[in-house]
């Protein structure tokens, strides 16, 4: 009931004049949707001014555009909204994010301790343990990150580190049906808890094998990060998982020792033939499902090659 009341309040207090046809980086945001909150503070003449997460939770906000692909997703412990007068109406001008900040923008994702988004100026500054991930630009970390949404320029300050791919990233193509989607992980919290526990252990396990194949920076993050941080970065974790399931060296027999495998999976593992890329992904997805049946869905059935019944 409280959830519905909060959504209604946002609809009333962040009405059509609150966004005032504001734009950022060429995207016109028409409304804000609030998904989770514990406390909502505002003024009927101004609008919502502060949103706080419930204990142990996080605020979820989405700036919705006419084009869904331009939507801006925000998560934080606390969100403050500031307005300025324009043309006789109030316009949302600044969003201040504090605590476990996560921003999903069409150009990539940002994680940080805090951030300020200037809606009118189309700029943003993030501070504290910043991590930037972009399909086009790679990954970077630093203590401060600055963005210009109009020009799409960014800078990372404070002893930055970065990893950039020189090859174009795979978009999926014929492998797409067999790669993991976000809803293929049915319980992200339990899956990441189990993955982290296995990664920290010296005993061979699927989780230890998964993390061992990751770049050192990401392996360390999964082993050492608080669970809340991992949950906020699950888009990147999903990307890393999909890179792993395309790896022909993914399977390590001792990691799956004692785990029951279906006959088709065992048959492919025992075969002397070299599997094609689709079969590799299907096999590795099947191994993941065998290791985490309560958390991951199985892959779709493997289609026979053309000409075979």
Protein backbone atom coordinates (compact mmCIF):
# COMPACT_ATOMS: atom_id res chain seq x y z
CA UNK A 1 0.00 0.00 0.00
CA UNK A 2 2.80 2.43 0.92
CA UNK A 3 4.49 1.71 -2.41
CA UNK A 4 1.35 2.75 -4.31
CA UNK A 5 0.97 5.92 -2.21
CA UNK A 6 4.55 6.92 -2.94
CA UNK A 7 4.09 6.45 -6.66
CA UNK A 8 0.92 8.54 -6.54
CA UNK A 9 2.75 11.30 -4.66
CA UNK A 10 5.48 11.36 -7.28
CA UNK A 11 2.88 11.60 -10.04
CA UNK A 12 1.30 14.60 -8.30
CA UNK A 13 4.41 16.41 -7.08
CA UNK A 14 6.54 15.75 -10.15
CA UNK A 15 3.85 16.72 -12.59
CA UNK A 16 4.23 18.10 -16.10
CA UNK A 17 5.77 21.38 -14.93
CA UNK A 18 8.41 19.68 -12.78
CA UNK A 19 10.39 18.43 -15.74
CA UNK A 20 9.21 21.29 -17.95
CA UNK A 21 10.23 19.55 -21.15
CA UNK A 22 13.76 19.41 -19.80
CA UNK A 23 16.40 17.75 -21.91
CA UNK A 24 19.84 16.31 -21.30
CA UNK A 25 22.17 15.13 -24.00
CA UNK A 26 19.43 15.41 -26.60
CA UNK A 27 16.96 13.31 -24.58
CA UNK A 28 13.64 14.90 -23.59
CA UNK A 29 12.53 13.47 -20.24
CA UNK A 30 8.78 13.46 -19.81
CA UNK A 31 8.40 12.04 -16.31
CA UNK A 32 10.16 10.43 -13.38
CA UNK A 33 9.13 7.04 -12.04
CA UNK A 34 9.95 6.13 -8.44
CA UNK A 35 10.13 2.41 -7.74
CA UNK A 36 11.32 2.16 -4.16
CA UNK A 37 11.55 4.59 -1.22
CA UNK A 38 11.15 4.79 2.54
CA UNK A 39 10.67 8.54 2.95
CA UNK A 40 9.39 11.20 0.56
CA UNK A 41 9.75 14.91 1.47
CA UNK A 42 8.49 17.83 -0.59
CA UNK A 43 6.29 20.87 -0.98
CA UNK A 44 3.06 21.10 -2.99
CA UNK A 45 4.19 24.42 -4.48
CA UNK A 46 7.62 23.12 -5.45
CA UNK A 47 7.62 19.36 -5.79
CA UNK A 48 9.46 16.39 -4.34
CA UNK A 49 12.68 17.60 -2.74
CA UNK A 50 14.17 14.59 -0.95
CA UNK A 51 13.78 10.83 -1.24
CA UNK A 52 15.36 8.42 1.23
CA UNK A 53 15.62 4.66 0.99
CA UNK A 54 14.08 2.39 3.57
CA UNK A 55 16.51 0.62 5.92
CA UNK A 56 18.62 -1.84 3.98
CA UNK A 57 17.09 -0.77 0.67
CA UNK A 58 17.86 1.72 -2.09
CA UNK A 59 15.93 4.36 -4.04
CA UNK A 60 15.19 3.51 -7.68
CA UNK A 61 14.39 6.41 -10.04
CA UNK A 62 13.90 6.34 -13.80
CA UNK A 63 13.90 9.45 -15.98
CA UNK A 64 11.60 8.36 -18.79
CA UNK A 65 11.95 9.62 -22.34
CA UNK A 66 9.63 9.26 -25.32
CA UNK A 67 12.35 6.93 -26.61
CA UNK A 68 12.76 4.17 -23.95
CA UNK A 69 16.35 3.53 -25.08
CA UNK A 70 17.21 7.03 -23.77
CA UNK A 71 15.83 6.38 -20.27
CA UNK A 72 18.14 7.34 -17.41
CA UNK A 73 18.15 5.02 -14.39
CA UNK A 74 19.34 6.23 -10.99
CA UNK A 75 19.90 4.37 -7.71
CA UNK A 76 21.13 5.77 -4.39
CA UNK A 77 20.48 5.74 -0.67
CA UNK A 78 19.36 9.38 -0.77
CA UNK A 79 18.17 11.54 -3.67
CA UNK A 80 17.73 15.32 -3.43
CA UNK A 81 15.95 17.28 -6.18
CA UNK A 82 16.54 20.98 -6.79
CA UNK A 83 14.47 23.27 -9.04
CA UNK A 84 14.83 26.65 -10.73
CA UNK A 85 12.27 29.05 -12.19
CA UNK A 86 12.04 29.20 -15.96
CA UNK A 87 9.29 30.86 -17.97
CA UNK A 88 7.05 31.19 -14.96
CA UNK A 89 7.35 27.50 -14.07
CA UNK A 90 9.67 25.43 -11.94
CA UNK A 91 12.10 23.19 -13.76
CA UNK A 92 14.05 20.34 -12.25
CA UNK A 93 17.66 21.52 -12.46
CA UNK A 94 19.79 19.28 -10.26
CA UNK A 95 19.72 15.75 -8.83
CA UNK A 96 22.03 15.03 -5.88
CA UNK A 97 22.76 11.36 -5.19
CA UNK A 98 24.35 10.03 -2.00
CA UNK A 99 25.31 6.49 -1.00
CA UNK A 100 25.67 3.41 -3.23
CA UNK A 101 25.16 5.49 -6.36
CA UNK A 102 24.47 3.68 -9.62
CA UNK A 103 23.54 5.41 -12.89
CA UNK A 104 22.43 3.60 -16.04
CA UNK A 105 22.79 5.84 -19.12
CA UNK A 106 22.55 4.75 -22.78
CA UNK A 107 26.31 5.33 -23.07
CA UNK A 108 27.18 3.15 -20.07
CA UNK A 109 27.00 2.77 -16.30
CA UNK A 110 28.60 4.60 -13.37
CA UNK A 111 29.03 3.47 -9.77
CA UNK A 112 30.22 5.90 -7.08
CA UNK A 113 29.77 7.03 -3.49
CA UNK A 114 28.06 10.28 -4.51
CA UNK A 115 27.05 12.25 -7.57
CA UNK A 116 25.49 15.48 -8.81
CA UNK A 117 23.60 15.55 -12.12
CA UNK A 118 22.97 18.98 -13.61
CA UNK A 119 19.85 18.39 -15.70
CA UNK A 120 19.74 21.81 -17.40
CA UNK A 121 23.50 21.96 -18.03
CA UNK A 122 23.58 18.29 -19.12
CA UNK A 123 26.59 17.56 -16.94
CA UNK A 124 27.38 15.26 -14.04
CA UNK A 125 30.14 14.83 -11.46
CA UNK A 126 30.62 11.64 -9.43
CA UNK A 127 33.00 11.22 -6.50
CA UNK A 128 34.41 8.39 -4.41
CA UNK A 129 35.23 4.91 -5.73
CA UNK A 130 34.01 5.71 -9.26
CA UNK A 131 33.69 2.91 -11.79
CA UNK A 132 32.72 3.61 -15.39
CA UNK A 133 31.69 0.86 -17.78
CA UNK A 134 30.88 1.55 -21.43
CA UNK A 135 30.43 -0.86 -24.30
CA UNK A 136 32.19 1.60 -26.60
CA UNK A 137 34.89 2.97 -24.28
CA UNK A 138 35.72 0.07 -21.97
CA UNK A 139 36.10 0.33 -18.19
CA UNK A 140 37.79 2.84 -15.92
CA UNK A 141 38.04 3.55 -12.19
CA UNK A 142 39.08 6.65 -10.23
CA UNK A 143 38.13 8.94 -7.38
CA UNK A 144 36.25 11.45 -9.53
CA UNK A 145 34.37 11.19 -12.82
CA UNK A 146 33.01 14.07 -14.89
CA UNK A 147 30.57 13.78 -17.81
CA UNK A 148 29.14 16.10 -20.44
CA UNK A 149 25.95 14.53 -21.78
CA UNK A 150 25.78 16.92 -24.74
CA UNK A 151 29.26 16.26 -26.13
CA UNK A 152 29.48 12.75 -24.57
CA UNK A 153 32.95 13.61 -23.23
CA UNK A 154 34.15 12.15 -19.92
CA UNK A 155 37.17 12.40 -17.67
CA UNK A 156 38.34 10.17 -14.81
CA UNK A 157 40.52 11.73 -12.11
CA UNK A 158 42.36 10.53 -9.02
CA UNK A 159 44.81 7.72 -9.91
CA UNK A 160 42.60 6.28 -12.65
CA UNK A 161 42.96 2.79 -14.07
CA UNK A 162 41.34 1.63 -17.28
CA UNK A 163 40.81 -1.36 -19.56
CA UNK A 164 39.78 -0.85 -23.18
CA UNK A 165 39.03 -3.44 -25.83
CA UNK A 166 40.53 -2.82 -29.27
CA UNK A 167 38.20 -5.35 -30.87
CA UNK A 168 34.52 -4.70 -31.46
CA UNK A 169 32.32 -6.34 -28.85
CA UNK A 170 30.06 -9.18 -29.79
CA UNK A 171 26.44 -8.08 -30.04
CA UNK A 172 25.08 -11.58 -29.78
CA UNK A 173 24.07 -12.46 -33.33
CA UNK A 174 23.40 -16.16 -33.70
CA UNK A 175 24.64 -16.71 -30.14
CA UNK A 176 22.09 -14.31 -28.66
CA UNK A 177 19.41 -16.92 -27.81
CA UNK A 178 21.97 -18.91 -25.79
CA UNK A 179 23.60 -16.03 -23.92
CA UNK A 180 22.40 -15.09 -20.44
CA UNK A 181 19.79 -12.35 -20.05
CA UNK A 182 19.15 -10.57 -16.75
CA UNK A 183 15.98 -12.56 -16.05
CA UNK A 184 17.85 -15.84 -16.61
CA UNK A 185 19.24 -15.19 -13.13
CA UNK A 186 16.16 -15.88 -11.03
CA UNK A 187 17.71 -14.87 -7.67
CA UNK A 188 20.53 -12.37 -8.10
CA UNK A 189 21.19 -11.91 -4.40
CA UNK A 190 21.59 -15.62 -3.62
CA UNK A 191 23.57 -16.23 -6.80
CA UNK A 192 26.06 -13.45 -6.04
CA UNK A 193 26.34 -14.51 -2.40
CA UNK A 194 27.17 -18.06 -3.50
CA UNK A 195 29.54 -16.87 -6.23
CA UNK A 196 31.41 -14.64 -3.78
CA UNK A 197 31.67 -17.39 -1.15
CA UNK A 198 33.04 -19.87 -3.70
CA UNK A 199 35.43 -17.28 -5.15
CA UNK A 200 36.95 -16.67 -1.71
CA UNK A 201 37.46 -20.37 -1.04
CA UNK A 202 40.55 -22.33 -2.06
CA UNK A 203 38.44 -25.37 -2.91
CA UNK A 204 37.72 -26.00 -6.62
CA UNK A 205 34.19 -24.89 -7.54
CA UNK A 206 32.25 -23.36 -10.44
CA UNK A 207 32.32 -19.96 -8.72
CA UNK A 208 36.07 -20.08 -8.20
CA UNK A 209 36.52 -21.07 -11.86
CA UNK A 210 34.23 -18.27 -13.07
CA UNK A 211 36.11 -15.60 -11.14
CA UNK A 212 39.53 -17.02 -12.06
CA UNK A 213 38.79 -16.33 -15.73
CA UNK A 214 37.94 -12.67 -15.12
CA UNK A 215 40.37 -9.74 -15.43
CA UNK A 216 42.17 -9.22 -12.11
CA UNK A 217 40.32 -5.98 -11.25
CA UNK A 218 36.90 -7.58 -11.65
CA UNK A 219 37.93 -10.77 -9.88
CA UNK A 220 39.02 -8.68 -6.89
CA UNK A 221 35.78 -6.68 -6.94
CA UNK A 222 33.67 -9.83 -6.83
CA UNK A 223 35.71 -11.33 -4.01
CA UNK A 224 35.87 -8.16 -1.90
CA UNK A 225 32.92 -5.88 -2.71
CA UNK A 226 29.87 -5.62 -0.42
CA UNK A 227 26.89 -7.50 -1.78
CA UNK A 228 24.97 -4.24 -2.35
CA UNK A 229 27.71 -3.06 -4.72
CA UNK A 230 27.63 -6.31 -6.64
CA UNK A 231 23.86 -6.10 -7.00
CA UNK A 232 24.13 -2.56 -8.34
CA UNK A 233 26.75 -3.70 -10.85
CA UNK A 234 24.92 -6.80 -12.04
CA UNK A 235 24.73 -5.48 -15.62
CA UNK A 236 28.51 -5.65 -15.81
CA UNK A 237 28.58 -9.02 -14.06
CA UNK A 238 26.10 -10.34 -16.64
CA UNK A 239 28.39 -9.10 -19.41
CA UNK A 240 31.35 -10.88 -17.79
CA UNK A 241 29.36 -14.09 -17.43
CA UNK A 242 28.50 -14.00 -21.12
CA UNK A 243 32.15 -13.56 -22.00
CA UNK A 244 32.92 -16.63 -19.90
CA UNK A 245 30.28 -18.85 -21.49
CA UNK A 246 31.85 -18.13 -24.89
CA UNK A 247 35.25 -19.32 -23.66
CA UNK A 248 36.19 -22.84 -24.88
CA UNK A 249 38.43 -23.15 -21.80
CA UNK A 250 35.58 -22.41 -19.40
CA UNK A 251 35.07 -26.00 -18.28
CA UNK A 252 37.49 -27.28 -15.68
CA UNK A 253 36.50 -30.84 -14.67
CA UNK A 254 37.59 -30.55 -11.02
CA UNK A 255 35.42 -27.45 -10.59
CA UNK A 256 32.30 -29.49 -11.42
CA UNK A 257 33.37 -32.60 -9.50
CA UNK A 258 30.34 -34.06 -7.70
CA UNK A 259 27.81 -31.95 -9.65
CA UNK A 260 25.21 -33.97 -11.53
CA UNK A 261 25.25 -33.30 -15.27
CA UNK A 262 22.49 -34.18 -17.74
CA UNK A 263 23.32 -36.91 -20.33
CA UNK A 264 23.55 -34.49 -23.33
CA UNK A 265 26.02 -32.35 -21.38
CA UNK A 266 28.13 -35.36 -20.41
CA UNK A 267 28.04 -36.61 -23.99
CA UNK A 268 29.34 -33.31 -25.35
CA UNK A 269 32.09 -33.18 -22.72
CA UNK A 270 33.20 -36.70 -23.64
CA UNK A 271 33.04 -36.14 -27.40
CA UNK A 272 36.26 -35.92 -29.42
CA UNK A 273 34.74 -33.52 -31.94
CA UNK A 274 35.50 -29.81 -31.74
CA UNK A 275 32.28 -27.94 -30.81
CA UNK A 276 31.14 -24.92 -32.81
CA UNK A 277 30.68 -21.54 -31.03
CA UNK A 278 26.97 -22.09 -30.40
CA UNK A 279 27.62 -25.51 -28.88
CA UNK A 280 30.32 -24.02 -26.65
CA UNK A 281 27.90 -21.42 -25.29
CA UNK A 282 25.15 -24.01 -24.85
CA UNK A 283 27.55 -26.35 -23.01
CA UNK A 284 28.86 -23.67 -20.69
CA UNK A 285 25.36 -22.34 -19.97
CA UNK A 286 24.34 -25.91 -19.15
CA UNK A 287 27.29 -26.27 -16.79
CA UNK A 288 26.28 -23.07 -15.03
CA UNK A 289 22.70 -24.28 -14.67
CA UNK A 290 23.93 -27.60 -13.25
CA UNK A 291 26.04 -25.71 -10.71
CA UNK A 292 23.32 -23.19 -9.75
CA UNK A 293 19.93 -24.75 -10.61
CA UNK A 294 18.12 -22.66 -7.98
CA UNK A 295 19.46 -19.37 -9.36
CA UNK A 296 19.95 -19.81 -13.14
CA UNK A 297 17.62 -21.00 -15.88
CA UNK A 298 18.81 -23.67 -18.35
CA UNK A 299 19.71 -22.65 -21.90
CA UNK A 300 17.22 -23.25 -24.74
CA UNK A 301 17.46 -26.59 -26.52
CA UNK A 302 20.36 -26.82 -28.92
CA UNK A 303 19.11 -26.67 -32.50
CA UNK A 304 20.48 -29.45 -34.74
CA UNK A 305 22.67 -28.35 -37.66
CA UNK A 306 20.88 -27.63 -40.91
CA UNK A 307 20.06 -30.79 -42.83
CA UNK A 308 19.79 -32.92 -39.69
CA UNK A 309 16.44 -34.07 -38.22
